[in-house]
Amino acid sequence: MQHTFASKQGPIEVTLTKTSEAFVLEGHELRLHNRGRLHLTLRDGRTCLAHTAKVGDVWWVHLNGRTYKWERVEPGSTGAEDEGGLVAPMPGKVLEVLVSEGDSVEAGTPLMVLEAMKMEHRIVASTDGTVTNIHFNAGDQVAQGATLLELE
């Protein structure tokens, strides 16, 4: 399984492989232990326990006296590096387009309404700007990660 995590240096891609009893990450083996703990067998054969907790979309890992923060970047999410393009957080149907190309909008302005998983999701402007492109109309089906509209 390919995953992307946020870091100060930008996105980090990792491949996590599942065996019958464990996950393998770059030669390290991770097994669920109990009460939020992972039993790790490192490449060199050493073993240790890591304590984990998930808060929102962030995993906190306590290992050997150090704390690590891992935030998984979900496919279709936006970040500062792609600011201006607003993407579908999950597959769904466009219920309503609330703006037109050329409209000036402020951060927080609702731009589009999607229906996904029997819920309505409002797509809002992350910054002030002008709507430059609208890629979908009401009634269109969209895939996760599809660019819905663009701001400049």
C-alpha atoms as a PDB file:
ATOM      1  CA  MET A   1       0.000   0.000   0.000  1.00  0.00           C
ATOM      2  CA  GLN A   2       1.376   3.375  -1.003  1.00  0.00           C
ATOM      3  CA  HIS A   3       0.830   6.184   1.534  1.00  0.00           C
ATOM      4  CA  THR A   4       1.769   9.855   1.612  1.00  0.00           C
ATOM      5  CA  PHE A   5       2.663  11.660   4.824  1.00  0.00           C
ATOM      6  CA  ALA A   6       3.191  15.380   5.412  1.00  0.00           C
ATOM      7  CA  SER A   7       6.611  16.625   6.514  1.00  0.00           C
ATOM      8  CA  LYS A   8       8.439  19.954   6.808  1.00  0.00           C
ATOM      9  CA  GLN A   9      10.352  19.007   3.648  1.00  0.00           C
ATOM     10  CA  GLY A  10       7.163  18.226   1.696  1.00  0.00           C
ATOM     11  CA  PRO A  11       5.196  15.011   1.081  1.00  0.00           C
ATOM     12  CA  ILE A  12       6.909  11.690   1.892  1.00  0.00           C
ATOM     13  CA  GLU A  13       5.845   8.565  -0.015  1.00  0.00           C
ATOM     14  CA  VAL A  14       6.107   5.230   1.811  1.00  0.00           C
ATOM     15  CA  THR A  15       5.182   1.688   0.853  1.00  0.00           C
ATOM     16  CA  LEU A  16       3.649  -0.447   3.580  1.00  0.00           C
ATOM     17  CA  THR A  17       3.384  -4.174   2.806  1.00  0.00           C
ATOM     18  CA  LYS A  18       1.044  -6.484   4.702  1.00  0.00           C
ATOM     19  CA  THR A  19       2.031 -10.055   5.440  1.00  0.00           C
ATOM     20  CA  SER A  20      -0.241 -12.564   7.167  1.00  0.00           C
ATOM     21  CA  GLU A  21       0.804 -11.357  10.635  1.00  0.00           C
ATOM     22  CA  ALA A  22       2.499  -7.972  10.286  1.00  0.00           C
ATOM     23  CA  PHE A  23       3.133  -4.847   8.271  1.00  0.00           C
ATOM     24  CA  VAL A  24       6.567  -4.288   6.719  1.00  0.00           C
ATOM     25  CA  LEU A  25       8.009  -0.812   6.220  1.00  0.00           C
ATOM     26  CA  GLU A  26      11.485  -0.583   4.662  1.00  0.00           C
ATOM     27  CA  GLY A  27      12.531  -3.888   6.243  1.00  0.00           C
ATOM     28  CA  HIS A  28      11.089  -3.093   9.677  1.00  0.00           C
ATOM     29  CA  GLU A  29       8.247  -5.322  10.874  1.00  0.00           C
ATOM     30  CA  LEU A  30       5.310  -3.849  12.802  1.00  0.00           C
ATOM     31  CA  ARG A  31       2.801  -5.971  14.693  1.00  0.00           C
ATOM     32  CA  LEU A  32      -0.162  -4.811  16.716  1.00  0.00           C
ATOM     33  CA  HIS A  33       0.527  -5.524  20.379  1.00  0.00           C
ATOM     34  CA  ASN A  34      -2.202  -4.235  22.701  1.00  0.00           C
ATOM     35  CA  ARG A  35      -3.712  -0.974  24.002  1.00  0.00           C
ATOM     36  CA  GLY A  36      -2.372   1.192  21.199  1.00  0.00           C
ATOM     37  CA  ARG A  37       1.081  -0.353  21.171  1.00  0.00           C
ATOM     38  CA  LEU A  38       3.091  -1.708  18.274  1.00  0.00           C
ATOM     39  CA  HIS A  39       5.757  -4.387  18.575  1.00  0.00           C
ATOM     40  CA  LEU A  40       8.588  -3.487  16.194  1.00  0.00           C
ATOM     41  CA  THR A  41      11.275  -5.785  14.884  1.00  0.00           C
ATOM     42  CA  LEU A  42      13.911  -3.611  13.287  1.00  0.00           C
ATOM     43  CA  ARG A  43      15.979  -4.644  10.253  1.00  0.00           C
ATOM     44  CA  ASP A  44      18.945  -5.399  12.515  1.00  0.00           C
ATOM     45  CA  GLY A  45      16.838  -7.784  14.666  1.00  0.00           C
ATOM     46  CA  ARG A  46      16.386  -5.483  17.673  1.00  0.00           C
ATOM     47  CA  THR A  47      12.852  -5.310  19.077  1.00  0.00           C
ATOM     48  CA  CYS A  48      10.966  -2.578  20.906  1.00  0.00           C
ATOM     49  CA  LEU A  49       7.491  -1.341  21.730  1.00  0.00           C
ATOM     50  CA  ALA A  50       6.056   1.885  20.385  1.00  0.00           C
ATOM     51  CA  HIS A  51       3.044   3.581  21.918  1.00  0.00           C
ATOM     52  CA  THR A  52       0.629   5.120  19.418  1.00  0.00           C
ATOM     53  CA  ALA A  53      -2.384   7.399  19.533  1.00  0.00           C
ATOM     54  CA  LYS A  54      -4.465   8.859  16.726  1.00  0.00           C
ATOM     55  CA  VAL A  55      -5.884  12.357  17.142  1.00  0.00           C
ATOM     56  CA  GLY A  56      -7.921  13.456  14.134  1.00  0.00           C
ATOM     57  CA  ASP A  57      -5.793  12.679  11.074  1.00  0.00           C
ATOM     58  CA  VAL A  58      -2.522  12.669  13.013  1.00  0.00           C
ATOM     59  CA  TRP A  59      -0.733   9.641  14.456  1.00  0.00           C
ATOM     60  CA  TRP A  60       1.505  10.269  17.483  1.00  0.00           C
ATOM     61  CA  VAL A  61       4.182   7.612  17.953  1.00  0.00           C
ATOM     62  CA  HIS A  62       6.263   7.394  21.155  1.00  0.00           C
ATOM     63  CA  LEU A  63       9.387   5.309  20.614  1.00  0.00           C
ATOM     64  CA  ASN A  64      12.563   5.090  22.697  1.00  0.00           C
ATOM     65  CA  GLY A  65      11.932   8.372  24.517  1.00  0.00           C
ATOM     66  CA  ARG A  66      11.118  10.346  21.376  1.00  0.00           C
ATOM     67  CA  THR A  67       7.762  11.460  19.987  1.00  0.00           C
ATOM     68  CA  TYR A  68       7.032  11.383  16.263  1.00  0.00           C
ATOM     69  CA  LYS A  69       4.070  12.991  14.525  1.00  0.00           C
ATOM     70  CA  TRP A  70       2.769  11.360  11.329  1.00  0.00           C
ATOM     71  CA  GLU A  71       0.000  13.034   9.361  1.00  0.00           C
ATOM     72  CA  ARG A  72      -1.315  10.974   6.472  1.00  0.00           C
ATOM     73  CA  VAL A  73      -2.219  12.966   3.382  1.00  0.00           C
ATOM     74  CA  GLU A  74      -5.456  11.572   2.008  1.00  0.00           C
ATOM     75  CA  PRO A  75      -5.800  11.263  -1.768  1.00  0.00           C
ATOM     76  CA  GLY A  76      -7.680  14.285  -3.068  1.00  0.00           C
ATOM     77  CA  SER A  77      -6.822  16.592  -0.199  1.00  0.00           C
ATOM     78  CA  THR A  78      -5.320  20.001  -0.826  1.00  0.00           C
ATOM     79  CA  GLY A  79      -2.348  21.718   0.702  1.00  0.00           C
ATOM     80  CA  ALA A  80      -0.378  24.905   0.331  1.00  0.00           C
ATOM     81  CA  GLU A  81       1.533  23.463  -2.620  1.00  0.00           C
ATOM     82  CA  ASP A  82      -1.645  23.143  -4.685  1.00  0.00           C
ATOM     83  CA  GLU A  83      -3.474  26.160  -3.343  1.00  0.00           C
ATOM     84  CA  GLY A  84      -5.899  27.554  -5.886  1.00  0.00           C
ATOM     85  CA  GLY A  85      -7.160  24.158  -7.069  1.00  0.00           C
ATOM     86  CA  LEU A  86     -10.053  22.725  -5.083  1.00  0.00           C
ATOM     87  CA  VAL A  87     -10.525  18.979  -5.332  1.00  0.00           C
ATOM     88  CA  ALA A  88     -13.190  16.432  -4.485  1.00  0.00           C
ATOM     89  CA  PRO A  89     -12.489  14.877  -1.064  1.00  0.00           C
ATOM     90  CA  MET A  90     -14.286  11.678  -2.148  1.00  0.00           C
ATOM     91  CA  PRO A  91     -16.294  10.392  -5.120  1.00  0.00           C
ATOM     92  CA  GLY A  92     -19.705  11.982  -5.364  1.00  0.00           C
ATOM     93  CA  LYS A  93     -22.217  14.039  -7.301  1.00  0.00           C
ATOM     94  CA  VAL A  94     -22.229  17.815  -7.742  1.00  0.00           C
ATOM     95  CA  LEU A  95     -25.530  19.056  -6.306  1.00  0.00           C
ATOM     96  CA  GLU A  96     -25.009  22.767  -6.819  1.00  0.00           C
ATOM     97  CA  VAL A  97     -22.436  25.214  -8.184  1.00  0.00           C
ATOM     98  CA  LEU A  98     -22.720  28.421  -6.154  1.00  0.00           C
ATOM     99  CA  VAL A  99     -20.327  30.649  -8.146  1.00  0.00           C
ATOM    100  CA  SER A 100     -19.526  31.563 -11.742  1.00  0.00           C
ATOM    101  CA  GLU A 101     -16.213  32.005 -13.521  1.00  0.00           C
ATOM    102  CA  GLY A 102     -14.929  35.529 -12.873  1.00  0.00           C
ATOM    103  CA  ASP A 103     -16.600  35.834  -9.452  1.00  0.00           C
ATOM    104  CA  SER A 104     -14.462  37.337  -6.683  1.00  0.00           C
ATOM    105  CA  VAL A 105     -14.715  35.320  -3.457  1.00  0.00           C
ATOM    106  CA  GLU A 106     -13.414  35.624   0.084  1.00  0.00           C
ATOM    107  CA  ALA A 107     -11.900  32.807   2.145  1.00  0.00           C
ATOM    108  CA  GLY A 108     -14.733  30.702   3.554  1.00  0.00           C
ATOM    109  CA  THR A 109     -17.181  31.463   0.739  1.00  0.00           C
ATOM    110  CA  PRO A 110     -19.171  28.343  -0.264  1.00  0.00           C
ATOM    111  CA  LEU A 111     -18.328  27.479  -3.885  1.00  0.00           C
ATOM    112  CA  MET A 112     -19.957  24.122  -4.579  1.00  0.00           C
ATOM    113  CA  VAL A 113     -22.059  21.468  -2.852  1.00  0.00           C
ATOM    114  CA  LEU A 114     -21.263  17.763  -3.316  1.00  0.00           C
ATOM    115  CA  GLU A 115     -23.256  14.730  -2.263  1.00  0.00           C
ATOM    116  CA  ALA A 116     -21.099  11.834  -1.138  1.00  0.00           C
ATOM    117  CA  MET A 117     -21.898   8.926   1.147  1.00  0.00           C
ATOM    118  CA  LYS A 118     -25.482  10.270   1.514  1.00  0.00           C
ATOM    119  CA  MET A 119     -24.173  13.521   3.014  1.00  0.00           C
ATOM    120  CA  GLU A 120     -23.795  17.039   1.633  1.00  0.00           C
ATOM    121  CA  HIS A 121     -20.273  18.468   1.606  1.00  0.00           C
ATOM    122  CA  ARG A 122     -19.667  22.174   1.050  1.00  0.00           C
ATOM    123  CA  ILE A 123     -16.549  23.079  -0.886  1.00  0.00           C
ATOM    124  CA  VAL A 124     -15.365  26.477   0.348  1.00  0.00           C
ATOM    125  CA  ALA A 125     -12.679  28.919  -0.743  1.00  0.00           C
ATOM    126  CA  SER A 126      -9.482  28.479   1.270  1.00  0.00           C
ATOM    127  CA  THR A 127      -8.284  31.990   0.329  1.00  0.00           C
ATOM    128  CA  ASP A 128      -9.573  35.189  -1.216  1.00  0.00           C
ATOM    129  CA  GLY A 129      -9.463  35.080  -5.009  1.00  0.00           C
ATOM    130  CA  THR A 130     -11.218  34.991  -8.353  1.00  0.00           C
ATOM    131  CA  VAL A 131     -12.883  31.871  -9.761  1.00  0.00           C
ATOM    132  CA  THR A 132     -10.932  31.135 -12.953  1.00  0.00           C
ATOM    133  CA  ASN A 133     -12.269  27.698 -13.986  1.00  0.00           C
ATOM    134  CA  ILE A 134     -15.257  25.552 -13.072  1.00  0.00           C
ATOM    135  CA  HIS A 135     -14.757  21.978 -14.256  1.00  0.00           C
ATOM    136  CA  PHE A 136     -18.111  20.413 -13.284  1.00  0.00           C
ATOM    137  CA  ASN A 137     -21.804  21.301 -13.373  1.00  0.00           C
ATOM    138  CA  ALA A 138     -24.726  20.340 -11.144  1.00  0.00           C
ATOM    139  CA  GLY A 139     -25.574  16.667 -11.724  1.00  0.00           C
ATOM    140  CA  ASP A 140     -22.031  15.648 -12.739  1.00  0.00           C
ATOM    141  CA  GLN A 141     -20.348  12.680 -11.032  1.00  0.00           C
ATOM    142  CA  VAL A 142     -16.827  13.375  -9.759  1.00  0.00           C
ATOM    143  CA  ALA A 143     -14.003  11.063  -8.758  1.00  0.00           C
ATOM    144  CA  GLN A 144     -12.009  11.496  -5.568  1.00  0.00           C
ATOM    145  CA  GLY A 145      -9.194  13.939  -6.228  1.00  0.00           C
ATOM    146  CA  ALA A 146     -10.838  15.542  -9.283  1.00  0.00           C
ATOM    147  CA  THR A 147     -10.185  19.273  -9.536  1.00  0.00           C
ATOM    148  CA  LEU A 148     -13.619  20.869  -9.141  1.00  0.00           C
ATOM    149  CA  LEU A 149     -12.741  24.503  -9.732  1.00  0.00           C
ATOM    150  CA  GLU A 150      -9.785  26.852  -9.570  1.00  0.00           C
ATOM    151  CA  LEU A 151      -9.100  30.152  -7.822  1.00  0.00           C
ATOM    152  CA  GLU A 152      -6.437  32.669  -8.651  1.00  0.00           C
END
